Amino acid sequence: FTDRPISKDTLDILVKAGMAAPSAVNKQPWAFVVITEKEVLDSLR
């Protein structure tokens, strides 16, 4: 990847797209952690 950041608005729409997925009995048993801080990305790596 390049070092160009992704806007919060774009990331929010990606998560909205995730929440539009089908779900058994519509339980929607998902949770999303959006990470943009380099320190957290490095720790996760």
PDB file of all heavy atoms in Angstrom:
ATOM      1  N   PHE A   1       0.813  -1.202   0.000  1.00  0.00           N
ATOM      2  CA  PHE A   1       0.000   0.000   0.000  1.00  0.00           C
ATOM      3  C   PHE A   1       0.856   1.265   0.000  1.00  0.00           C
ATOM      4  O   PHE A   1       1.997   1.254   0.458  1.00  0.00           O
ATOM      5  CB  PHE A   1      -0.907   0.015   1.240  1.00  0.00           C
ATOM      6  CG  PHE A   1      -1.688  -1.259   1.433  1.00  0.00           C
ATOM      7  CD1 PHE A   1      -1.236  -2.252   2.294  1.00  0.00           C
ATOM      8  CD2 PHE A   1      -2.870  -1.476   0.736  1.00  0.00           C
ATOM      9  CE1 PHE A   1      -1.948  -3.428   2.474  1.00  0.00           C
ATOM     10  CE2 PHE A   1      -3.589  -2.647   0.914  1.00  0.00           C
ATOM     11  CZ  PHE A   1      -3.133  -3.623   1.773  1.00  0.00           C
ATOM     12  N   THR A   2       0.267   2.360  -0.498  1.00  0.00           N
ATOM     13  CA  THR A   2       0.912   3.669  -0.394  1.00  0.00           C
ATOM     14  C   THR A   2       0.651   4.223   1.009  1.00  0.00           C
ATOM     15  O   THR A   2      -0.063   3.612   1.805  1.00  0.00           O
ATOM     16  CB  THR A   2       0.345   4.641  -1.436  1.00  0.00           C
ATOM     17  OG1 THR A   2      -1.003   4.996  -1.075  1.00  0.00           O
ATOM     18  CG2 THR A   2       0.331   4.015  -2.839  1.00  0.00           C
ATOM     19  N   ASP A   3       1.213   5.385   1.290  1.00  0.00           N
ATOM     20  CA  ASP A   3       1.008   5.985   2.616  1.00  0.00           C
ATOM     21  C   ASP A   3      -0.189   6.934   2.653  1.00  0.00           C
ATOM     22  O   ASP A   3      -0.407   7.641   3.641  1.00  0.00           O
ATOM     23  CB  ASP A   3       2.270   6.710   3.088  1.00  0.00           C
ATOM     24  CG  ASP A   3       2.693   7.831   2.138  1.00  0.00           C
ATOM     25  OD1 ASP A   3       1.987   8.061   1.119  1.00  0.00           O
ATOM     26  OD2 ASP A   3       3.729   8.457   2.390  1.00  0.00           O
ATOM     27  N   ARG A   4      -0.998   6.960   1.598  1.00  0.00           N
ATOM     28  CA  ARG A   4      -2.182   7.806   1.560  1.00  0.00           C
ATOM     29  C   ARG A   4      -3.218   7.305   2.570  1.00  0.00           C
ATOM     30  O   ARG A   4      -3.564   6.131   2.570  1.00  0.00           O
ATOM     31  CB  ARG A   4      -2.783   7.786   0.152  1.00  0.00           C
ATOM     32  CG  ARG A   4      -4.072   8.576  -0.010  1.00  0.00           C
ATOM     33  CD  ARG A   4      -4.613   8.398  -1.417  1.00  0.00           C
ATOM     34  NE  ARG A   4      -5.974   8.922  -1.556  1.00  0.00           N
ATOM     35  CZ  ARG A   4      -6.738   8.721  -2.628  1.00  0.00           C
ATOM     36  NH1 ARG A   4      -6.254   8.001  -3.639  1.00  0.00           N
ATOM     37  NH2 ARG A   4      -7.960   9.220  -2.678  1.00  0.00           N
ATOM     38  N   PRO A   5      -3.714   8.163   3.437  1.00  0.00           N
ATOM     39  CA  PRO A   5      -4.695   7.717   4.443  1.00  0.00           C
ATOM     40  C   PRO A   5      -6.068   7.471   3.835  1.00  0.00           C
ATOM     41  O   PRO A   5      -6.393   7.975   2.753  1.00  0.00           O
ATOM     42  CB  PRO A   5      -4.735   8.880   5.437  1.00  0.00           C
ATOM     43  CG  PRO A   5      -4.356  10.077   4.626  1.00  0.00           C
ATOM     44  CD  PRO A   5      -3.357   9.596   3.604  1.00  0.00           C
ATOM     45  N   ILE A   6      -6.874   6.704   4.538  1.00  0.00           N
ATOM     46  CA  ILE A   6      -8.262   6.456   4.154  1.00  0.00           C
ATOM     47  C   ILE A   6      -9.146   7.312   5.051  1.00  0.00           C
ATOM     48  O   ILE A   6      -8.976   7.326   6.274  1.00  0.00           O
ATOM     49  CB  ILE A   6      -8.636   4.976   4.331  1.00  0.00           C
ATOM     50  CG1 ILE A   6      -7.668   4.092   3.538  1.00  0.00           C
ATOM     51  CG2 ILE A   6     -10.067   4.717   3.892  1.00  0.00           C
ATOM     52  CD1 ILE A   6      -7.837   2.613   3.824  1.00  0.00           C
ATOM     53  N   SER A   7     -10.088   8.014   4.462  1.00  0.00           N
ATOM     54  CA  SER A   7     -10.936   8.912   5.265  1.00  0.00           C
ATOM     55  C   SER A   7     -11.845   8.125   6.195  1.00  0.00           C
ATOM     56  O   SER A   7     -12.217   6.980   5.923  1.00  0.00           O
ATOM     57  CB  SER A   7     -11.783   9.801   4.348  1.00  0.00           C
ATOM     58  OG  SER A   7     -12.810   9.039   3.738  1.00  0.00           O
ATOM     59  N   LYS A   8     -12.218   8.761   7.286  1.00  0.00           N
ATOM     60  CA  LYS A   8     -13.144   8.139   8.237  1.00  0.00           C
ATOM     61  C   LYS A   8     -14.486   7.850   7.575  1.00  0.00           C
ATOM     62  O   LYS A   8     -15.113   6.816   7.840  1.00  0.00           O
ATOM     63  CB  LYS A   8     -13.350   9.030   9.461  1.00  0.00           C
ATOM     64  CG  LYS A   8     -14.279   8.402  10.518  1.00  0.00           C
ATOM     65  CD  LYS A   8     -14.494   9.320  11.702  1.00  0.00           C
ATOM     66  CE  LYS A   8     -15.362   8.655  12.769  1.00  0.00           C
ATOM     67  NZ  LYS A   8     -16.706   8.285  12.236  1.00  0.00           N
ATOM     68  N   ASP A   9     -14.944   8.754   6.707  1.00  0.00           N
ATOM     69  CA  ASP A   9     -16.215   8.536   6.024  1.00  0.00           C
ATOM     70  C   ASP A   9     -16.184   7.252   5.203  1.00  0.00           C
ATOM     71  O   ASP A   9     -17.154   6.492   5.191  1.00  0.00           O
ATOM     72  CB  ASP A   9     -16.547   9.729   5.117  1.00  0.00           C
ATOM     73  CG  ASP A   9     -16.966  10.962   5.896  1.00  0.00           C
ATOM     74  OD1 ASP A   9     -17.266  10.831   7.102  1.00  0.00           O
ATOM     75  OD2 ASP A   9     -16.979  12.053   5.305  1.00  0.00           O
ATOM     76  N   THR A  10     -15.077   7.016   4.520  1.00  0.00           N
ATOM     77  CA  THR A  10     -14.944   5.800   3.710  1.00  0.00           C
ATOM     78  C   THR A  10     -14.926   4.568   4.600  1.00  0.00           C
ATOM     79  O   THR A  10     -15.594   3.569   4.316  1.00  0.00           O
ATOM     80  CB  THR A  10     -13.672   5.860   2.850  1.00  0.00           C
ATOM     81  OG1 THR A  10     -13.757   6.982   1.955  1.00  0.00           O
ATOM     82  CG2 THR A  10     -13.501   4.585   2.037  1.00  0.00           C
ATOM     83  N   LEU A  11     -14.169   4.627   5.693  1.00  0.00           N
ATOM     84  CA  LEU A  11     -14.112   3.495   6.609  1.00  0.00           C
ATOM     85  C   LEU A  11     -15.488   3.207   7.208  1.00  0.00           C
ATOM     86  O   LEU A  11     -15.875   2.039   7.375  1.00  0.00           O
ATOM     87  CB  LEU A  11     -13.099   3.765   7.720  1.00  0.00           C
ATOM     88  CG  LEU A  11     -11.627   3.782   7.270  1.00  0.00           C
ATOM     89  CD1 LEU A  11     -10.743   4.336   8.381  1.00  0.00           C
ATOM     90  CD2 LEU A  11     -11.165   2.391   6.860  1.00  0.00           C
ATOM     91  N   ASP A  12     -16.242   4.269   7.500  1.00  0.00           N
ATOM     92  CA  ASP A  12     -17.589   4.083   8.043  1.00  0.00           C
ATOM     93  C   ASP A  12     -18.478   3.359   7.033  1.00  0.00           C
ATOM     94  O   ASP A  12     -19.281   2.484   7.405  1.00  0.00           O
ATOM     95  CB  ASP A  12     -18.224   5.433   8.410  1.00  0.00           C
ATOM     96  CG  ASP A  12     -17.644   6.025   9.692  1.00  0.00           C
ATOM     97  OD1 ASP A  12     -16.964   5.284  10.441  1.00  0.00           O
ATOM     98  OD2 ASP A  12     -17.866   7.226   9.935  1.00  0.00           O
ATOM     99  N   ILE A  13     -18.357   3.709   5.755  1.00  0.00           N
ATOM    100  CA  ILE A  13     -19.185   3.050   4.746  1.00  0.00           C
ATOM    101  C   ILE A  13     -18.776   1.586   4.583  1.00  0.00           C
ATOM    102  O   ILE A  13     -19.630   0.716   4.378  1.00  0.00           O
ATOM    103  CB  ILE A  13     -19.114   3.803   3.406  1.00  0.00           C
ATOM    104  CG1 ILE A  13     -19.844   5.141   3.540  1.00  0.00           C
ATOM    105  CG2 ILE A  13     -19.726   2.971   2.284  1.00  0.00           C
ATOM    106  CD1 ILE A  13     -19.841   5.984   2.296  1.00  0.00           C
ATOM    107  N   LEU A  14     -17.481   1.291   4.712  1.00  0.00           N
ATOM    108  CA  LEU A  14     -17.052  -0.102   4.639  1.00  0.00           C
ATOM    109  C   LEU A  14     -17.693  -0.923   5.754  1.00  0.00           C
ATOM    110  O   LEU A  14     -18.151  -2.055   5.533  1.00  0.00           O
ATOM    111  CB  LEU A  14     -15.528  -0.206   4.729  1.00  0.00           C
ATOM    112  CG  LEU A  14     -14.703   0.460   3.623  1.00  0.00           C
ATOM    113  CD1 LEU A  14     -13.230   0.087   3.782  1.00  0.00           C
ATOM    114  CD2 LEU A  14     -15.208   0.100   2.244  1.00  0.00           C
ATOM    115  N   VAL A  15     -17.733  -0.355   6.951  1.00  0.00           N
ATOM    116  CA  VAL A  15     -18.350  -1.070   8.071  1.00  0.00           C
ATOM    117  C   VAL A  15     -19.864  -1.200   7.858  1.00  0.00           C
ATOM    118  O   VAL A  15     -20.456  -2.248   8.153  1.00  0.00           O
ATOM    119  CB  VAL A  15     -18.039  -0.369   9.409  1.00  0.00           C
ATOM    120  CG1 VAL A  15     -18.781  -1.037  10.545  1.00  0.00           C
ATOM    121  CG2 VAL A  15     -16.539  -0.403   9.684  1.00  0.00           C
ATOM    122  N   LYS A  16     -20.495  -0.162   7.306  1.00  0.00           N
ATOM    123  CA  LYS A  16     -21.919  -0.255   6.991  1.00  0.00           C
ATOM    124  C   LYS A  16     -22.182  -1.372   5.987  1.00  0.00           C
ATOM    125  O   LYS A  16     -23.186  -2.094   6.090  1.00  0.00           O
ATOM    126  CB  LYS A  16     -22.432   1.079   6.448  1.00  0.00           C
ATOM    127  CG  LYS A  16     -22.542   2.180   7.487  1.00  0.00           C
ATOM    128  CD  LYS A  16     -23.043   3.478   6.857  1.00  0.00           C
ATOM    129  CE  LYS A  16     -23.103   4.602   7.886  1.00  0.00           C
ATOM    130  NZ  LYS A  16     -23.560   5.871   7.271  1.00  0.00           N
ATOM    131  N   ALA A  17     -21.281  -1.507   5.016  1.00  0.00           N
ATOM    132  CA  ALA A  17     -21.409  -2.593   4.044  1.00  0.00           C
ATOM    133  C   ALA A  17     -21.315  -3.941   4.745  1.00  0.00           C
ATOM    134  O   ALA A  17     -22.051  -4.879   4.427  1.00  0.00           O
ATOM    135  CB  ALA A  17     -20.327  -2.471   2.965  1.00  0.00           C
ATOM    136  N   GLY A  18     -20.407  -4.045   5.720  1.00  0.00           N
ATOM    137  CA  GLY A  18     -20.296  -5.279   6.485  1.00  0.00           C
ATOM    138  C   GLY A  18     -21.581  -5.609   7.210  1.00  0.00           C
ATOM    139  O   GLY A  18     -22.029  -6.764   7.227  1.00  0.00           O
ATOM    140  N   MET A  19     -22.213  -4.600   7.791  1.00  0.00           N
ATOM    141  CA  MET A  19     -23.439  -4.819   8.558  1.00  0.00           C
ATOM    142  C   MET A  19     -24.654  -5.104   7.673  1.00  0.00           C
ATOM    143  O   MET A  19     -25.710  -5.472   8.184  1.00  0.00           O
ATOM    144  CB  MET A  19     -23.725  -3.607   9.447  1.00  0.00           C
ATOM    145  CG  MET A  19     -22.721  -3.414  10.561  1.00  0.00           C
ATOM    146  SD  MET A  19     -23.228  -2.076  11.657  1.00  0.00           S
ATOM    147  CE  MET A  19     -21.720  -1.813  12.589  1.00  0.00           C
ATOM    148  N   ALA A  20     -24.495  -4.938   6.353  1.00  0.00           N
ATOM    149  CA  ALA A  20     -25.580  -5.261   5.427  1.00  0.00           C
ATOM    150  C   ALA A  20     -25.584  -6.738   5.049  1.00  0.00           C
ATOM    151  O   ALA A  20     -26.442  -7.172   4.282  1.00  0.00           O
ATOM    152  CB  ALA A  20     -25.470  -4.394   4.171  1.00  0.00           C
ATOM    153  N   ALA A  21     -24.658  -7.513   5.577  1.00  0.00           N
ATOM    154  CA  ALA A  21     -24.540  -8.936   5.236  1.00  0.00           C
ATOM    155  C   ALA A  21     -25.717  -9.741   5.781  1.00  0.00           C
ATOM    156  O   ALA A  21     -26.367  -9.331   6.744  1.00  0.00           O
ATOM    157  CB  ALA A  21     -23.233  -9.494   5.803  1.00  0.00           C
ATOM    158  N   PRO A  22     -25.979 -10.896   5.167  1.00  0.00           N
ATOM    159  CA  PRO A  22     -27.013 -11.778   5.724  1.00  0.00           C
ATOM    160  C   PRO A  22     -26.585 -12.322   7.075  1.00  0.00           C
ATOM    161  O   PRO A  22     -25.387 -12.432   7.360  1.00  0.00           O
ATOM    162  CB  PRO A  22     -27.117 -12.907   4.678  1.00  0.00           C
ATOM    163  CG  PRO A  22     -25.821 -12.888   3.961  1.00  0.00           C
ATOM    164  CD  PRO A  22     -25.364 -11.469   3.961  1.00  0.00           C
ATOM    165  N   SER A  23     -27.575 -12.663   7.895  1.00  0.00           N
ATOM    166  CA  SER A  23     -27.285 -13.133   9.249  1.00  0.00           C
ATOM    167  C   SER A  23     -28.338 -14.151   9.667  1.00  0.00           C
ATOM    168  O   SER A  23     -29.538 -13.896   9.513  1.00  0.00           O
ATOM    169  CB  SER A  23     -27.278 -11.940  10.216  1.00  0.00           C
ATOM    170  OG  SER A  23     -27.215 -12.370  11.557  1.00  0.00           O
ATOM    171  N   ALA A  24     -27.907 -15.282  10.195  1.00  0.00           N
ATOM    172  CA  ALA A  24     -28.836 -16.327  10.633  1.00  0.00           C
ATOM    173  C   ALA A  24     -29.776 -15.791  11.708  1.00  0.00           C
ATOM    174  O   ALA A  24     -29.325 -15.244  12.724  1.00  0.00           O
ATOM    175  CB  ALA A  24     -28.055 -17.534  11.164  1.00  0.00           C
ATOM    176  N   VAL A  25     -31.066 -15.938  11.468  1.00  0.00           N
ATOM    177  CA  VAL A  25     -32.118 -15.457  12.366  1.00  0.00           C
ATOM    178  C   VAL A  25     -31.939 -13.955  12.657  1.00  0.00           C
ATOM    179  O   VAL A  25     -32.382 -13.460  13.686  1.00  0.00           O
ATOM    180  CB  VAL A  25     -32.162 -16.280  13.668  1.00  0.00           C
ATOM    181  CG1 VAL A  25     -33.501 -16.101  14.385  1.00  0.00           C
ATOM    182  CG2 VAL A  25     -31.952 -17.767  13.400  1.00  0.00           C
ATOM    183  N   ASN A  26     -31.231 -13.269  11.793  1.00  0.00           N
ATOM    184  CA  ASN A  26     -30.958 -11.834  11.931  1.00  0.00           C
ATOM    185  C   ASN A  26     -30.342 -11.480  13.282  1.00  0.00           C
ATOM    186  O   ASN A  26     -30.601 -10.416  13.851  1.00  0.00           O
ATOM    187  CB  ASN A  26     -32.240 -11.010  11.715  1.00  0.00           C
ATOM    188  CG  ASN A  26     -31.951  -9.542  11.423  1.00  0.00           C
ATOM    189  OD1 ASN A  26     -30.923  -9.207  10.835  1.00  0.00           O
ATOM    190  ND2 ASN A  26     -32.846  -8.673  11.839  1.00  0.00           N
ATOM    191  N   LYS A  27     -29.505 -12.357  13.798  1.00  0.00           N
ATOM    192  CA  LYS A  27     -28.862 -12.101  15.085  1.00  0.00           C
ATOM    193  C   LYS A  27     -27.781 -11.022  14.995  1.00  0.00           C
ATOM    194  O   LYS A  27     -27.448 -10.382  15.992  1.00  0.00           O
ATOM    195  CB  LYS A  27     -28.261 -13.398  15.638  1.00  0.00           C
ATOM    196  CG  LYS A  27     -29.277 -14.377  16.190  1.00  0.00           C
ATOM    197  CD  LYS A  27     -29.944 -13.821  17.439  1.00  0.00           C
ATOM    198  CE  LYS A  27     -30.824 -14.838  18.112  1.00  0.00           C
ATOM    199  NZ  LYS A  27     -31.441 -14.320  19.357  1.00  0.00           N
ATOM    200  N   GLN A  28     -27.192 -10.866  13.801  1.00  0.00           N
ATOM    201  CA  GLN A  28     -26.141  -9.859  13.597  1.00  0.00           C
ATOM    202  C   GLN A  28     -25.072  -9.948  14.699  1.00  0.00           C
ATOM    203  O   GLN A  28     -24.793  -8.955  15.396  1.00  0.00           O
ATOM    204  CB  GLN A  28     -26.753  -8.462  13.558  1.00  0.00           C
ATOM    205  CG  GLN A  28     -27.835  -8.296  12.502  1.00  0.00           C
ATOM    206  CD  GLN A  28     -28.482  -6.937  12.523  1.00  0.00           C
ATOM    207  OE1 GLN A  28     -27.823  -5.924  12.752  1.00  0.00           O
ATOM    208  NE2 GLN A  28     -29.789  -6.894  12.279  1.00  0.00           N
ATOM    209  N   PRO A  29     -24.435 -11.108  14.856  1.00  0.00           N
ATOM    210  CA  PRO A  29     -23.510 -11.297  15.975  1.00  0.00           C
ATOM    211  C   PRO A  29     -22.107 -10.773  15.676  1.00  0.00           C
ATOM    212  O   PRO A  29     -21.111 -11.415  15.997  1.00  0.00           O
ATOM    213  CB  PRO A  29     -23.501 -12.820  16.112  1.00  0.00           C
ATOM    214  CG  PRO A  29     -23.609 -13.303  14.709  1.00  0.00           C
ATOM    215  CD  PRO A  29     -24.543 -12.329  14.031  1.00  0.00           C
ATOM    216  N   TRP A  30     -22.046  -9.613  15.070  1.00  0.00           N
ATOM    217  CA  TRP A  30     -20.748  -9.080  14.676  1.00  0.00           C
ATOM    218  C   TRP A  30     -20.385  -7.830  15.469  1.00  0.00           C
ATOM    219  O   TRP A  30     -21.211  -7.131  16.022  1.00  0.00           O
ATOM    220  CB  TRP A  30     -20.722  -8.790  13.176  1.00  0.00           C
ATOM    221  CG  TRP A  30     -21.959  -8.148  12.629  1.00  0.00           C
ATOM    222  CD1 TRP A  30     -22.565  -6.986  13.040  1.00  0.00           C
ATOM    223  CD2 TRP A  30     -22.781  -8.652  11.572  1.00  0.00           C
ATOM    224  NE1 TRP A  30     -23.694  -6.732  12.293  1.00  0.00           N
ATOM    225  CE2 TRP A  30     -23.854  -7.730  11.384  1.00  0.00           C
ATOM    226  CE3 TRP A  30     -22.713  -9.771  10.743  1.00  0.00           C
ATOM    227  CZ2 TRP A  30     -24.838  -7.914  10.407  1.00  0.00           C
ATOM    228  CZ3 TRP A  30     -23.706  -9.948   9.781  1.00  0.00           C
ATOM    229  CH2 TRP A  30     -24.745  -9.038   9.625  1.00  0.00           C
ATOM    230  N   ALA A  31     -19.096  -7.572  15.490  1.00  0.00           N
ATOM    231  CA  ALA A  31     -18.544  -6.342  16.058  1.00  0.00           C
ATOM    232  C   ALA A  31     -17.317  -6.005  15.227  1.00  0.00           C
ATOM    233  O   ALA A  31     -16.632  -6.912  14.734  1.00  0.00           O
ATOM    234  CB  ALA A  31     -18.170  -6.529  17.524  1.00  0.00           C
ATOM    235  N   PHE A  32     -17.039  -4.731  15.048  1.00  0.00           N
ATOM    236  CA  PHE A  32     -15.957  -4.307  14.174  1.00  0.00           C
ATOM    237  C   PHE A  32     -15.038  -3.349  14.921  1.00  0.00           C
ATOM    238  O   PHE A  32     -15.503  -2.409  15.556  1.00  0.00           O
ATOM    239  CB  PHE A  32     -16.515  -3.613  12.933  1.00  0.00           C
ATOM    240  CG  PHE A  32     -17.508  -4.446  12.170  1.00  0.00           C
ATOM    241  CD1 PHE A  32     -18.866  -4.407  12.502  1.00  0.00           C
ATOM    242  CD2 PHE A  32     -17.109  -5.275  11.141  1.00  0.00           C
ATOM    243  CE1 PHE A  32     -19.796  -5.174  11.818  1.00  0.00           C
ATOM    244  CE2 PHE A  32     -18.032  -6.050  10.445  1.00  0.00           C
ATOM    245  CZ  PHE A  32     -19.375  -6.004  10.785  1.00  0.00           C
ATOM    246  N   VAL A  33     -13.749  -3.592  14.831  1.00  0.00           N
ATOM    247  CA  VAL A  33     -12.762  -2.682  15.398  1.00  0.00           C
ATOM    248  C   VAL A  33     -12.010  -2.050  14.235  1.00  0.00           C
ATOM    249  O   VAL A  33     -11.297  -2.737  13.499  1.00  0.00           O
ATOM    250  CB  VAL A  33     -11.785  -3.408  16.343  1.00  0.00           C
ATOM    251  CG1 VAL A  33     -10.795  -2.398  16.942  1.00  0.00           C
ATOM    252  CG2 VAL A  33     -12.531  -4.149  17.438  1.00  0.00           C
ATOM    253  N   VAL A  34     -12.193  -0.743  14.053  1.00  0.00           N
ATOM    254  CA  VAL A  34     -11.535  -0.010  12.970  1.00  0.00           C
ATOM    255  C   VAL A  34     -10.243   0.589  13.513  1.00  0.00           C
ATOM    256  O   VAL A  34     -10.256   1.297  14.529  1.00  0.00           O
ATOM    257  CB  VAL A  34     -12.453   1.101  12.421  1.00  0.00           C
ATOM    258  CG1 VAL A  34     -11.767   1.851  11.275  1.00  0.00           C
ATOM    259  CG2 VAL A  34     -13.789   0.513  11.951  1.00  0.00           C
ATOM    260  N   ILE A  35      -9.146   0.302  12.848  1.00  0.00           N
ATOM    261  CA  ILE A  35      -7.832   0.729  13.339  1.00  0.00           C
ATOM    262  C   ILE A  35      -7.182   1.659  12.322  1.00  0.00           C
ATOM    263  O   ILE A  35      -7.052   1.314  11.150  1.00  0.00           O
ATOM    264  CB  ILE A  35      -6.916  -0.487  13.570  1.00  0.00           C
ATOM    265  CG1 ILE A  35      -7.596  -1.486  14.521  1.00  0.00           C
ATOM    266  CG2 ILE A  35      -5.559  -0.052  14.119  1.00  0.00           C
ATOM    267  CD1 ILE A  35      -6.959  -2.850  14.499  1.00  0.00           C
ATOM    268  N   THR A  36      -6.766   2.831  12.779  1.00  0.00           N
ATOM    269  CA  THR A  36      -6.056   3.776  11.917  1.00  0.00           C
ATOM    270  C   THR A  36      -4.731   4.228  12.531  1.00  0.00           C
ATOM    271  O   THR A  36      -3.916   4.832  11.837  1.00  0.00           O
ATOM    272  CB  THR A  36      -6.929   5.023  11.647  1.00  0.00           C
ATOM    273  OG1 THR A  36      -7.314   5.611  12.896  1.00  0.00           O
ATOM    274  CG2 THR A  36      -8.180   4.645  10.860  1.00  0.00           C
ATOM    275  N   GLU A  37      -4.527   3.977  13.811  1.00  0.00           N
ATOM    276  CA  GLU A  37      -3.294   4.414  14.472  1.00  0.00           C
ATOM    277  C   GLU A  37      -2.149   3.460  14.144  1.00  0.00           C
ATOM    278  O   GLU A  37      -2.275   2.242  14.306  1.00  0.00           O
ATOM    279  CB  GLU A  37      -3.497   4.475  15.984  1.00  0.00           C
ATOM    280  CG  GLU A  37      -4.496   5.529  16.426  1.00  0.00           C
ATOM    281  CD  GLU A  37      -4.669   5.564  17.934  1.00  0.00           C
ATOM    282  OE1 GLU A  37      -4.007   4.760  18.632  1.00  0.00           O
ATOM    283  OE2 GLU A  37      -5.474   6.388  18.409  1.00  0.00           O
ATOM    284  N   LYS A  38      -1.041   4.028  13.693  1.00  0.00           N
ATOM    285  CA  LYS A  38       0.108   3.240  13.277  1.00  0.00           C
ATOM    286  C   LYS A  38       0.626   2.355  14.403  1.00  0.00           C
ATOM    287  O   LYS A  38       1.034   1.198  14.178  1.00  0.00           O
ATOM    288  CB  LYS A  38       1.219   4.190  12.792  1.00  0.00           C
ATOM    289  CG  LYS A  38       2.472   3.495  12.299  1.00  0.00           C
ATOM    290  CD  LYS A  38       2.198   2.650  11.068  1.00  0.00           C
ATOM    291  CE  LYS A  38       3.501   2.077  10.514  1.00  0.00           C
ATOM    292  NZ  LYS A  38       3.263   1.086   9.423  1.00  0.00           N
ATOM    293  N   GLU A  39       0.618   2.861  15.611  1.00  0.00           N
ATOM    294  CA  GLU A  39       1.110   2.095  16.757  1.00  0.00           C
ATOM    295  C   GLU A  39       0.291   0.814  16.964  1.00  0.00           C
ATOM    296  O   GLU A  39       0.855  -0.254  17.240  1.00  0.00           O
ATOM    297  CB  GLU A  39       1.056   2.963  18.020  1.00  0.00           C
ATOM    298  CG  GLU A  39       1.573   2.257  19.267  1.00  0.00           C
ATOM    299  CD  GLU A  39       1.489   3.134  20.495  1.00  0.00           C
ATOM    300  OE1 GLU A  39       1.213   4.342  20.355  1.00  0.00           O
ATOM    301  OE2 GLU A  39       1.697   2.603  21.604  1.00  0.00           O
ATOM    302  N   VAL A  40      -1.020   0.931  16.805  1.00  0.00           N
ATOM    303  CA  VAL A  40      -1.874  -0.246  16.975  1.00  0.00           C
ATOM    304  C   VAL A  40      -1.690  -1.204  15.814  1.00  0.00           C
ATOM    305  O   VAL A  40      -1.633  -2.428  15.999  1.00  0.00           O
ATOM    306  CB  VAL A  40      -3.354   0.165  17.111  1.00  0.00           C
ATOM    307  CG1 VAL A  40      -4.237  -1.063  17.318  1.00  0.00           C
ATOM    308  CG2 VAL A  40      -3.529   1.138  18.266  1.00  0.00           C
ATOM    309  N   LEU A  41      -1.571  -0.672  14.602  1.00  0.00           N
ATOM    310  CA  LEU A  41      -1.330  -1.521  13.435  1.00  0.00           C
ATOM    311  C   LEU A  41      -0.026  -2.304  13.599  1.00  0.00           C
ATOM    312  O   LEU A  41       0.040  -3.505  13.303  1.00  0.00           O
ATOM    313  CB  LEU A  41      -1.275  -0.680  12.159  1.00  0.00           C
ATOM    314  CG  LEU A  41      -2.588  -0.032  11.715  1.00  0.00           C
ATOM    315  CD1 LEU A  41      -2.336   0.970  10.590  1.00  0.00           C
ATOM    316  CD2 LEU A  41      -3.596  -1.081  11.269  1.00  0.00           C
ATOM    317  N   ASP A  42       1.010  -1.635  14.092  1.00  0.00           N
ATOM    318  CA  ASP A  42       2.302  -2.309  14.301  1.00  0.00           C
ATOM    319  C   ASP A  42       2.199  -3.379  15.379  1.00  0.00           C
ATOM    320  O   ASP A  42       2.772  -4.471  15.241  1.00  0.00           O
ATOM    321  CB  ASP A  42       3.372  -1.282  14.684  1.00  0.00           C
ATOM    322  CG  ASP A  42       3.788  -0.400  13.507  1.00  0.00           C
ATOM    323  OD1 ASP A  42       3.494  -0.768  12.356  1.00  0.00           O
ATOM    324  OD2 ASP A  42       4.389   0.663  13.756  1.00  0.00           O
ATOM    325  N   SER A  43       1.476  -3.087  16.446  1.00  0.00           N
ATOM    326  CA  SER A  43       1.308  -4.077  17.521  1.00  0.00           C
ATOM    327  C   SER A  43       0.524  -5.288  17.030  1.00  0.00           C
ATOM    328  O   SER A  43       0.835  -6.434  17.383  1.00  0.00           O
ATOM    329  CB  SER A  43       0.582  -3.441  18.713  1.00  0.00           C
ATOM    330  OG  SER A  43       1.361  -2.410  19.291  1.00  0.00           O
ATOM    331  N   LEU A  44      -0.456  -5.029  16.196  1.00  0.00           N
ATOM    332  CA  LEU A  44      -1.246  -6.120  15.642  1.00  0.00           C
ATOM    333  C   LEU A  44      -0.394  -6.979  14.710  1.00  0.00           C
ATOM    334  O   LEU A  44      -0.521  -8.213  14.684  1.00  0.00           O
ATOM    335  CB  LEU A  44      -2.448  -5.551  14.891  1.00  0.00           C
ATOM    336  CG  LEU A  44      -3.614  -6.483  14.597  1.00  0.00           C
ATOM    337  CD1 LEU A  44      -4.160  -7.109  15.878  1.00  0.00           C
ATOM    338  CD2 LEU A  44      -4.720  -5.720  13.866  1.00  0.00           C
ATOM    339  N   ARG A  45       0.489  -6.342  13.970  1.00  0.00           N
ATOM    340  CA  ARG A  45       1.373  -7.092  13.060  1.00  0.00           C
ATOM    341  C   ARG A  45       2.309  -8.011  13.839  1.00  0.00           C
ATOM    342  O   ARG A  45       2.651  -9.108  13.365  1.00  0.00           O
ATOM    343  CB  ARG A  45       2.182  -6.100  12.215  1.00  0.00           C
ATOM    344  CG  ARG A  45       3.115  -6.766  11.201  1.00  0.00           C
ATOM    345  CD  ARG A  45       3.563  -5.770  10.151  1.00  0.00           C
ATOM    346  NE  ARG A  45       4.309  -4.667  10.718  1.00  0.00           N
ATOM    347  CZ  ARG A  45       5.632  -4.591  10.749  1.00  0.00           C
ATOM    348  NH1 ARG A  45       6.376  -5.572  10.273  1.00  0.00           N
ATOM    349  NH2 ARG A  45       6.226  -3.540  11.270  1.00  0.00           N
TER     350      ARG A  45
END
